[in-house]
Amino acid sequence: MIVRSLEDVKGTEREISGVNWTSRRLLLRSDKMGFSLHDTVIRAGTSTEMHYQNHLEAVYCIQGKGTVTVVETGEVLPIERGTMYALDQNDRHVLAAETTMRMVCVFNPPLTGPESHDECGVYPLIEEPVTTQRDRTALTAPRI
């Protein structure tokens, strides 16, 4: 079982900030859950264009108010506490925060930790070997 509080993550390498946001990464690829889980704060009055070409993301707003605009269609959707949106088509989008927003975000494939948006709003796909519990046991089990 993994137990980790937001306070455990703050101020560590699991807390990553951009100009408009701060992401506290509660679960990462190294936790071997198959997804990563983030508590993200979006600063009031900001607008961020993102395009997760390498990841699918689901976002659940737990605080604040803003909009998400689907770039391809121009559709503008209101986002407020209790609203979820899922970028199931790797949608290029713009998140605009009217007030400070706090979001719970899930990424698949999971992030490894240091990812930040590039100039196109993309998180790179960072590959790293993942060992399973079975792999770890095989490495530490005595040879007969």
Protein backbone atom coordinates (compact mmCIF):
# COMPACT_ATOMS: atom_id res chain seq x y z
CA MET A 1 0.00 0.00 0.00
CA ILE A 2 1.15 3.50 -0.78
CA VAL A 3 0.20 6.31 1.59
CA ARG A 4 1.42 9.80 0.75
CA SER A 5 0.05 13.17 1.81
CA LEU A 6 0.12 16.44 -0.08
CA GLU A 7 2.45 17.77 2.63
CA ASP A 8 4.85 14.86 1.90
CA VAL A 9 5.14 16.06 -1.71
CA LYS A 10 5.33 19.84 -1.26
CA GLY A 11 8.85 21.22 -1.66
CA THR A 12 10.26 17.96 -3.07
CA GLU A 13 11.19 16.84 -6.59
CA ARG A 14 7.54 15.74 -6.93
CA GLU A 15 6.41 19.40 -6.93
CA ILE A 16 6.86 20.94 -10.39
CA SER A 17 5.86 24.49 -11.32
CA GLY A 18 5.29 26.31 -14.57
CA VAL A 19 4.46 29.98 -15.06
CA ASN A 20 0.71 29.40 -14.59
CA TRP A 21 0.55 26.23 -12.51
CA THR A 22 2.01 24.03 -9.79
CA SER A 23 1.68 20.24 -10.00
CA ARG A 24 2.15 18.05 -6.93
CA ARG A 25 2.67 14.54 -8.19
CA LEU A 26 1.25 12.11 -5.66
CA LEU A 27 1.73 8.98 -7.79
CA LEU A 28 4.33 8.56 -10.52
CA ARG A 29 5.39 5.80 -12.86
CA SER A 30 7.86 4.52 -10.26
CA ASP A 31 4.89 3.77 -7.99
CA LYS A 32 3.82 1.12 -10.55
CA MET A 33 0.11 1.88 -10.54
CA GLY A 34 -0.23 2.28 -14.33
CA PHE A 35 -1.19 5.97 -14.05
CA SER A 36 0.05 9.09 -12.31
CA LEU A 37 -2.04 11.22 -9.94
CA HIS A 38 -1.52 14.96 -9.48
CA ASP A 39 -2.90 17.74 -7.31
CA THR A 40 -2.54 20.80 -9.55
CA VAL A 41 -3.12 24.48 -8.80
CA ILE A 42 -3.85 26.81 -11.74
CA ARG A 43 -3.20 30.47 -10.96
CA ALA A 44 -6.12 32.92 -11.24
CA GLY A 45 -6.20 35.09 -14.36
CA THR A 46 -3.95 32.77 -16.38
CA SER A 47 -4.49 30.93 -19.64
CA THR A 48 -2.43 27.86 -20.58
CA GLU A 49 -2.44 26.07 -23.93
CA MET A 50 -1.71 22.36 -23.63
CA HIS A 51 -1.57 19.45 -26.02
CA TYR A 52 -0.78 16.10 -24.45
CA GLN A 53 0.23 14.22 -27.58
CA ASN A 54 1.85 11.42 -25.56
CA HIS A 55 -0.63 11.08 -22.70
CA LEU A 56 -4.33 10.85 -21.97
CA GLU A 57 -5.49 13.02 -19.08
CA ALA A 58 -8.60 13.19 -16.90
CA VAL A 59 -9.10 16.32 -14.79
CA TYR A 60 -11.48 16.81 -11.86
CA CYS A 61 -11.93 20.35 -10.57
CA ILE A 62 -12.20 20.54 -6.78
CA GLN A 63 -11.87 24.32 -6.42
CA GLY A 64 -12.25 27.46 -8.50
CA LYS A 65 -13.79 28.47 -11.79
CA GLY A 66 -12.64 28.77 -15.37
CA THR A 67 -13.06 27.40 -18.88
CA VAL A 68 -11.47 24.85 -21.14
CA THR A 69 -11.47 25.60 -24.87
CA VAL A 70 -11.04 22.83 -27.43
CA VAL A 71 -8.68 24.44 -29.94
CA GLU A 72 -9.78 22.36 -32.95
CA THR A 73 -13.48 23.26 -32.62
CA GLY A 74 -13.39 26.48 -30.61
CA GLU A 75 -15.89 24.99 -28.14
CA VAL A 76 -15.65 26.69 -24.74
CA LEU A 77 -16.73 24.64 -21.74
CA PRO A 78 -17.25 26.00 -18.23
CA ILE A 79 -15.19 24.30 -15.51
CA GLU A 80 -15.98 24.68 -11.83
CA ARG A 81 -15.91 22.65 -8.66
CA GLY A 82 -17.40 19.22 -9.32
CA THR A 83 -16.69 19.23 -13.09
CA MET A 84 -14.54 16.57 -14.78
CA TYR A 85 -13.13 16.63 -18.29
CA ALA A 86 -11.16 13.91 -20.06
CA LEU A 87 -8.82 14.54 -22.97
CA ASP A 88 -9.60 11.22 -24.61
CA GLN A 89 -8.47 12.32 -28.08
CA ASN A 90 -5.21 14.01 -27.05
CA ASP A 91 -7.14 17.25 -27.51
CA ARG A 92 -5.22 20.50 -27.87
CA HIS A 93 -6.89 22.78 -25.33
CA VAL A 94 -6.62 26.05 -23.46
CA LEU A 95 -7.37 26.13 -19.74
CA ALA A 96 -8.28 29.62 -18.52
CA ALA A 97 -8.62 30.21 -14.78
CA GLU A 98 -11.02 32.95 -13.74
CA THR A 99 -10.19 32.21 -10.09
CA THR A 100 -7.47 30.00 -8.63
CA MET A 101 -8.35 26.46 -9.62
CA ARG A 102 -7.35 23.24 -7.92
CA MET A 103 -7.51 20.11 -10.03
CA VAL A 104 -6.99 16.40 -9.49
CA CYS A 105 -5.34 15.05 -12.64
CA VAL A 106 -4.68 11.50 -13.81
CA PHE A 107 -2.25 10.71 -16.66
CA ASN A 108 -1.84 7.56 -18.72
CA PRO A 109 0.86 6.59 -19.39
CA PRO A 110 2.04 7.82 -16.01
CA LEU A 111 4.49 10.69 -15.72
CA THR A 112 7.92 9.95 -14.29
CA GLY A 113 8.17 13.20 -12.34
CA PRO A 114 10.15 16.02 -13.97
CA GLU A 115 7.92 16.58 -17.03
CA SER A 116 6.97 20.15 -17.87
CA HIS A 117 5.20 21.63 -20.90
CA ASP A 118 7.37 22.33 -23.93
CA GLU A 119 6.79 25.28 -26.28
CA CYS A 120 3.81 23.43 -27.83
CA GLY A 121 2.22 22.57 -24.47
CA VAL A 122 3.33 18.93 -24.68
CA TYR A 123 4.75 16.74 -21.92
CA PRO A 124 7.54 14.58 -23.32
CA LEU A 125 7.17 10.81 -23.09
CA ILE A 126 10.01 9.81 -20.79
CA GLU A 127 10.75 6.11 -20.91
CA GLU A 128 12.35 4.45 -17.94
CA PRO A 129 12.53 0.78 -17.04
CA VAL A 130 9.80 -0.35 -14.69
CA THR A 131 10.40 -3.35 -12.50
CA THR A 132 7.53 -5.29 -11.03
CA GLN A 133 7.37 -6.82 -7.56
CA ARG A 134 8.08 -10.15 -9.25
CA ASP A 135 11.23 -8.68 -10.88
CA ARG A 136 12.41 -7.30 -7.53
CA THR A 137 11.81 -10.64 -5.82
CA ALA A 138 13.76 -12.47 -8.53
CA LEU A 139 16.67 -10.07 -8.07
CA THR A 140 16.79 -10.58 -4.30
CA ALA A 141 15.78 -14.24 -3.98
CA PRO A 142 18.59 -16.63 -2.99
CA ARG A 143 19.81 -18.91 -5.75
CA ILE A 144 19.49 -22.62 -5.15
